[in-house]
């Protein structure tokens, strides 16, 4: 009887670990997909900046921009 309880307890631990693994796997797959979309967006943005011949302006903005500290928005954004 004690052996059966121990086996059942081990099975529950394994099942719990399996469920956590599946949750983490789903999370990582979503994260990977989101990263791929972000990379694609970045490519389009880079190409758009180049297409508009704004490479120098972008470089200047990147070097001199800072987060707006007086923003009324709930999130910071970059300004010159």
C-alpha atoms as a PDB file:
ATOM      1  CA  UNK A   1       0.000   0.000   0.000  1.00  0.00           C
ATOM      2  CA  UNK A   2       2.797   2.438   0.875  1.00  0.00           C
ATOM      3  CA  UNK A   3       4.535   1.550  -2.370  1.00  0.00           C
ATOM      4  CA  UNK A   4       1.390   2.388  -4.357  1.00  0.00           C
ATOM      5  CA  UNK A   5       1.117   5.798  -2.674  1.00  0.00           C
ATOM      6  CA  UNK A   6       4.756   6.495  -3.465  1.00  0.00           C
ATOM      7  CA  UNK A   7       4.242   5.481  -7.110  1.00  0.00           C
ATOM      8  CA  UNK A   8       1.127   7.664  -7.365  1.00  0.00           C
ATOM      9  CA  UNK A   9       3.029  10.578  -5.809  1.00  0.00           C
ATOM     10  CA  UNK A  10       5.871  10.162  -8.316  1.00  0.00           C
ATOM     11  CA  UNK A  11       3.378   9.976 -11.184  1.00  0.00           C
ATOM     12  CA  UNK A  12       1.758  13.228 -10.026  1.00  0.00           C
ATOM     13  CA  UNK A  13       5.178  14.908  -9.873  1.00  0.00           C
ATOM     14  CA  UNK A  14       5.972  13.696 -13.380  1.00  0.00           C
ATOM     15  CA  UNK A  15       2.576  14.842 -14.660  1.00  0.00           C
ATOM     16  CA  UNK A  16       3.092  18.250 -13.065  1.00  0.00           C
ATOM     17  CA  UNK A  17       6.529  18.558 -14.646  1.00  0.00           C
ATOM     18  CA  UNK A  18       5.086  17.524 -18.011  1.00  0.00           C
ATOM     19  CA  UNK A  19       2.397  20.220 -17.751  1.00  0.00           C
ATOM     20  CA  UNK A  20       4.980  22.869 -16.846  1.00  0.00           C
ATOM     21  CA  UNK A  21       7.176  21.771 -19.733  1.00  0.00           C
ATOM     22  CA  UNK A  22       4.252  22.127 -22.154  1.00  0.00           C
ATOM     23  CA  UNK A  23       3.458  25.595 -20.788  1.00  0.00           C
ATOM     24  CA  UNK A  24       7.064  26.711 -21.172  1.00  0.00           C
ATOM     25  CA  UNK A  25       7.273  25.197 -24.637  1.00  0.00           C
ATOM     26  CA  UNK A  26       4.159  27.104 -25.734  1.00  0.00           C
ATOM     27  CA  UNK A  27       5.554  30.291 -24.209  1.00  0.00           C
ATOM     28  CA  UNK A  28       8.879  29.868 -26.002  1.00  0.00           C
ATOM     29  CA  UNK A  29       7.193  29.114 -29.331  1.00  0.00           C
ATOM     30  CA  UNK A  30       5.144  32.308 -28.972  1.00  0.00           C
ATOM     31  CA  UNK A  31       8.274  34.246 -28.070  1.00  0.00           C
ATOM     32  CA  UNK A  32      10.135  32.885 -31.090  1.00  0.00           C
ATOM     33  CA  UNK A  33       7.232  33.825 -33.380  1.00  0.00           C
ATOM     34  CA  UNK A  34       7.086  37.317 -31.896  1.00  0.00           C
ATOM     35  CA  UNK A  35      10.842  37.689 -32.383  1.00  0.00           C
ATOM     36  CA  UNK A  36      10.541  36.675 -36.044  1.00  0.00           C
ATOM     37  CA  UNK A  37       7.818  39.293 -36.581  1.00  0.00           C
ATOM     38  CA  UNK A  38       9.950  41.931 -34.861  1.00  0.00           C
ATOM     39  CA  UNK A  39      12.934  41.065 -37.071  1.00  0.00           C
ATOM     40  CA  UNK A  40      10.748  41.346 -40.174  1.00  0.00           C
ATOM     41  CA  UNK A  41       9.386  44.719 -39.004  1.00  0.00           C
ATOM     42  CA  UNK A  42      12.934  45.912 -38.361  1.00  0.00           C
ATOM     43  CA  UNK A  43      13.958  44.920 -41.882  1.00  0.00           C
ATOM     44  CA  UNK A  44      11.038  46.874 -43.335  1.00  0.00           C
ATOM     45  CA  UNK A  45      11.857  49.894 -41.187  1.00  0.00           C
ATOM     46  CA  UNK A  46      15.515  49.842 -42.198  1.00  0.00           C
ATOM     47  CA  UNK A  47      14.616  49.525 -45.858  1.00  0.00           C
ATOM     48  CA  UNK A  48      12.020  52.297 -45.535  1.00  0.00           C
ATOM     49  CA  UNK A  49      14.571  54.647 -43.950  1.00  0.00           C
ATOM     50  CA  UNK A  50      16.981  53.877 -46.768  1.00  0.00           C
ATOM     51  CA  UNK A  51      14.242  54.237 -49.425  1.00  0.00           C
ATOM     52  CA  UNK A  52      13.318  57.678 -48.065  1.00  0.00           C
ATOM     53  CA  UNK A  53      17.029  58.578 -48.007  1.00  0.00           C
ATOM     54  CA  UNK A  54      16.834  59.298 -44.301  1.00  0.00           C
ATOM     55  CA  UNK A  55      19.895  57.307 -43.253  1.00  0.00           C
ATOM     56  CA  UNK A  56      21.776  60.366 -41.981  1.00  0.00           C
ATOM     57  CA  UNK A  57      18.720  61.683 -40.134  1.00  0.00           C
ATOM     58  CA  UNK A  58      18.203  58.299 -38.510  1.00  0.00           C
ATOM     59  CA  UNK A  59      21.859  58.134 -37.447  1.00  0.00           C
ATOM     60  CA  UNK A  60      21.600  61.619 -35.945  1.00  0.00           C
ATOM     61  CA  UNK A  61      18.386  60.717 -34.121  1.00  0.00           C
ATOM     62  CA  UNK A  62      19.880  57.502 -32.826  1.00  0.00           C
ATOM     63  CA  UNK A  63      22.936  59.298 -31.465  1.00  0.00           C
ATOM     64  CA  UNK A  64      21.113  62.250 -29.894  1.00  0.00           C
ATOM     65  CA  UNK A  65      17.666  61.051 -28.881  1.00  0.00           C
ATOM     66  CA  UNK A  66      16.652  60.629 -25.260  1.00  0.00           C
ATOM     67  CA  UNK A  67      13.540  59.485 -23.438  1.00  0.00           C
ATOM     68  CA  UNK A  68      10.983  62.211 -22.826  1.00  0.00           C
ATOM     69  CA  UNK A  69      10.857  62.676 -19.060  1.00  0.00           C
ATOM     70  CA  UNK A  70       7.900  65.064 -19.092  1.00  0.00           C
ATOM     71  CA  UNK A  71       5.657  62.738 -20.988  1.00  0.00           C
ATOM     72  CA  UNK A  72       2.025  62.438 -19.956  1.00  0.00           C
ATOM     73  CA  UNK A  73       1.852  59.085 -21.676  1.00  0.00           C
ATOM     74  CA  UNK A  74       2.087  55.917 -19.580  1.00  0.00           C
ATOM     75  CA  UNK A  75       5.189  54.860 -21.506  1.00  0.00           C
ATOM     76  CA  UNK A  76       8.378  56.719 -22.465  1.00  0.00           C
ATOM     77  CA  UNK A  77       9.273  57.591 -26.017  1.00  0.00           C
ATOM     78  CA  UNK A  78      12.353  59.043 -27.672  1.00  0.00           C
ATOM     79  CA  UNK A  79      12.681  62.728 -28.609  1.00  0.00           C
ATOM     80  CA  UNK A  80      15.507  65.007 -29.674  1.00  0.00           C
END
